[in-house]
Amino acid sequence: MTVIKKKIWPEYFEAVASGKKKFELRLNDFDVHEGDTLVLEEWDPKTKQYTGRKTEKRVSYVGKFKIDQLFWPEEEIKEKGVQIISLE
């Protein structure tokens, strides 16, 4: 199992740390697997500094896709965007 550190903005940090937000949408530019630990370190984009707060979460699922593998036409994705829905 790997420990992976990533920045997270304050408005998202609170939701993840509290357990309300149970997903992360990230660019697929790093290797992550189920069972890894994601350490999210709060980063203030205004000051461009870490706040010192962090939270650790175990990765339970990784779904990867490319834009051409989605179910909708690329034009609709560009127009409307996509959303991720967290389920309990």
C-alpha atoms as a PDB file:
ATOM      1  CA  MET A   1       0.000   0.000   0.000  1.00  0.00           C
ATOM      2  CA  THR A   2       1.204   3.465  -0.930  1.00  0.00           C
ATOM      3  CA  VAL A   3       0.798   6.810   0.849  1.00  0.00           C
ATOM      4  CA  ILE A   4       0.034   9.599  -1.626  1.00  0.00           C
ATOM      5  CA  LYS A   5       0.068  13.293  -0.665  1.00  0.00           C
ATOM      6  CA  LYS A   6      -2.042  15.812  -2.570  1.00  0.00           C
ATOM      7  CA  LYS A   7      -3.129  19.417  -2.127  1.00  0.00           C
ATOM      8  CA  ILE A   8      -6.772  20.222  -1.453  1.00  0.00           C
ATOM      9  CA  TRP A   9      -8.415  23.655  -1.308  1.00  0.00           C
ATOM     10  CA  PRO A  10     -10.058  24.767   1.969  1.00  0.00           C
ATOM     11  CA  GLU A  11     -13.670  24.537   0.781  1.00  0.00           C
ATOM     12  CA  TYR A  12     -13.171  20.894  -0.190  1.00  0.00           C
ATOM     13  CA  PHE A  13     -10.951  20.028   2.769  1.00  0.00           C
ATOM     14  CA  GLU A  14     -13.746  20.682   5.275  1.00  0.00           C
ATOM     15  CA  ALA A  15     -16.193  18.417   3.454  1.00  0.00           C
ATOM     16  CA  VAL A  16     -13.675  15.556   3.160  1.00  0.00           C
ATOM     17  CA  ALA A  17     -12.351  15.863   6.715  1.00  0.00           C
ATOM     18  CA  SER A  18     -15.887  15.808   8.154  1.00  0.00           C
ATOM     19  CA  GLY A  19     -16.802  12.722   6.116  1.00  0.00           C
ATOM     20  CA  LYS A  20     -19.526  14.505   4.137  1.00  0.00           C
ATOM     21  CA  LYS A  21     -17.600  14.349   0.840  1.00  0.00           C
ATOM     22  CA  LYS A  22     -16.613  10.753   0.120  1.00  0.00           C
ATOM     23  CA  PHE A  23     -15.010  11.136  -3.282  1.00  0.00           C
ATOM     24  CA  GLU A  24     -12.192  12.983  -5.027  1.00  0.00           C
ATOM     25  CA  LEU A  25     -12.159  14.069  -8.652  1.00  0.00           C
ATOM     26  CA  ARG A  26      -8.520  14.238  -9.741  1.00  0.00           C
ATOM     27  CA  LEU A  27      -6.523  14.460 -12.927  1.00  0.00           C
ATOM     28  CA  ASN A  28      -5.176  11.000 -13.735  1.00  0.00           C
ATOM     29  CA  ASP A  29      -1.550  12.136 -13.438  1.00  0.00           C
ATOM     30  CA  PHE A  30      -0.492   9.831 -10.589  1.00  0.00           C
ATOM     31  CA  ASP A  31      -0.735   6.137  -9.773  1.00  0.00           C
ATOM     32  CA  VAL A  32      -3.344   5.241  -7.149  1.00  0.00           C
ATOM     33  CA  HIS A  33      -4.897   1.910  -6.190  1.00  0.00           C
ATOM     34  CA  GLU A  34      -7.530   0.554  -3.848  1.00  0.00           C
ATOM     35  CA  GLY A  35      -6.035   0.224  -0.365  1.00  0.00           C
ATOM     36  CA  ASP A  36      -3.656   3.172  -0.776  1.00  0.00           C
ATOM     37  CA  THR A  37      -3.809   6.068   1.674  1.00  0.00           C
ATOM     38  CA  LEU A  38      -4.537   9.524   0.304  1.00  0.00           C
ATOM     39  CA  VAL A  39      -3.187  12.304   2.515  1.00  0.00           C
ATOM     40  CA  LEU A  40      -4.972  15.519   1.630  1.00  0.00           C
ATOM     41  CA  GLU A  41      -3.096  18.619   2.783  1.00  0.00           C
ATOM     42  CA  GLU A  42      -5.084  21.832   2.899  1.00  0.00           C
ATOM     43  CA  TRP A  43      -3.669  24.404   0.460  1.00  0.00           C
ATOM     44  CA  ASP A  44      -4.776  28.013   0.323  1.00  0.00           C
ATOM     45  CA  PRO A  45      -4.746  29.131  -3.331  1.00  0.00           C
ATOM     46  CA  LYS A  46      -4.848  32.800  -2.282  1.00  0.00           C
ATOM     47  CA  THR A  47      -1.673  32.678  -0.181  1.00  0.00           C
ATOM     48  CA  LYS A  48      -0.186  29.775  -2.152  1.00  0.00           C
ATOM     49  CA  GLN A  49       0.741  28.069   1.113  1.00  0.00           C
ATOM     50  CA  TYR A  50      -0.245  24.991   3.084  1.00  0.00           C
ATOM     51  CA  THR A  51      -2.414  25.731   6.129  1.00  0.00           C
ATOM     52  CA  GLY A  52      -0.951  22.883   8.193  1.00  0.00           C
ATOM     53  CA  ARG A  53      -4.179  20.885   8.276  1.00  0.00           C
ATOM     54  CA  LYS A  54      -4.372  17.455   6.690  1.00  0.00           C
ATOM     55  CA  THR A  55      -6.609  14.430   6.615  1.00  0.00           C
ATOM     56  CA  GLU A  56      -5.896  10.821   5.683  1.00  0.00           C
ATOM     57  CA  LYS A  57      -8.376   8.649   3.812  1.00  0.00           C
ATOM     58  CA  ARG A  58      -8.101   5.070   2.604  1.00  0.00           C
ATOM     59  CA  VAL A  59      -8.822   4.606  -1.098  1.00  0.00           C
ATOM     60  CA  SER A  60     -11.724   2.169  -1.504  1.00  0.00           C
ATOM     61  CA  TYR A  61     -12.371   2.519  -5.252  1.00  0.00           C
ATOM     62  CA  VAL A  62     -10.609   4.048  -8.261  1.00  0.00           C
ATOM     63  CA  GLY A  63     -12.525   4.686 -11.468  1.00  0.00           C
ATOM     64  CA  LYS A  64     -10.521   5.995 -14.408  1.00  0.00           C
ATOM     65  CA  PHE A  65     -11.843   7.195 -17.729  1.00  0.00           C
ATOM     66  CA  LYS A  66     -10.949   9.342 -20.703  1.00  0.00           C
ATOM     67  CA  ILE A  67     -13.320  11.815 -22.275  1.00  0.00           C
ATOM     68  CA  ASP A  68     -13.887   9.595 -25.326  1.00  0.00           C
ATOM     69  CA  GLN A  69     -14.893   6.700 -23.036  1.00  0.00           C
ATOM     70  CA  LEU A  70     -17.814   8.558 -21.488  1.00  0.00           C
ATOM     71  CA  PHE A  71     -21.408   7.783 -22.388  1.00  0.00           C
ATOM     72  CA  TRP A  72     -22.225  11.191 -23.820  1.00  0.00           C
ATOM     73  CA  PRO A  73     -21.143  13.084 -26.926  1.00  0.00           C
ATOM     74  CA  GLU A  74     -18.051  15.256 -26.388  1.00  0.00           C
ATOM     75  CA  GLU A  75     -20.005  18.375 -27.437  1.00  0.00           C
ATOM     76  CA  GLU A  76     -22.526  17.828 -24.617  1.00  0.00           C
ATOM     77  CA  ILE A  77     -19.742  17.242 -22.087  1.00  0.00           C
ATOM     78  CA  LYS A  78     -18.062  20.504 -23.117  1.00  0.00           C
ATOM     79  CA  GLU A  79     -21.380  22.372 -22.933  1.00  0.00           C
ATOM     80  CA  LYS A  80     -22.804  20.902 -19.720  1.00  0.00           C
ATOM     81  CA  GLY A  81     -19.841  19.343 -17.911  1.00  0.00           C
ATOM     82  CA  VAL A  82     -20.090  16.204 -15.824  1.00  0.00           C
ATOM     83  CA  GLN A  83     -20.976  15.604 -12.194  1.00  0.00           C
ATOM     84  CA  ILE A  84     -19.996  12.968  -9.700  1.00  0.00           C
ATOM     85  CA  ILE A  85     -22.663  11.760  -7.322  1.00  0.00           C
ATOM     86  CA  SER A  86     -21.686  10.240  -3.990  1.00  0.00           C
ATOM     87  CA  LEU A  87     -23.979   7.489  -2.714  1.00  0.00           C
ATOM     88  CA  GLU A  88     -24.438   6.056   0.770  1.00  0.00           C
END
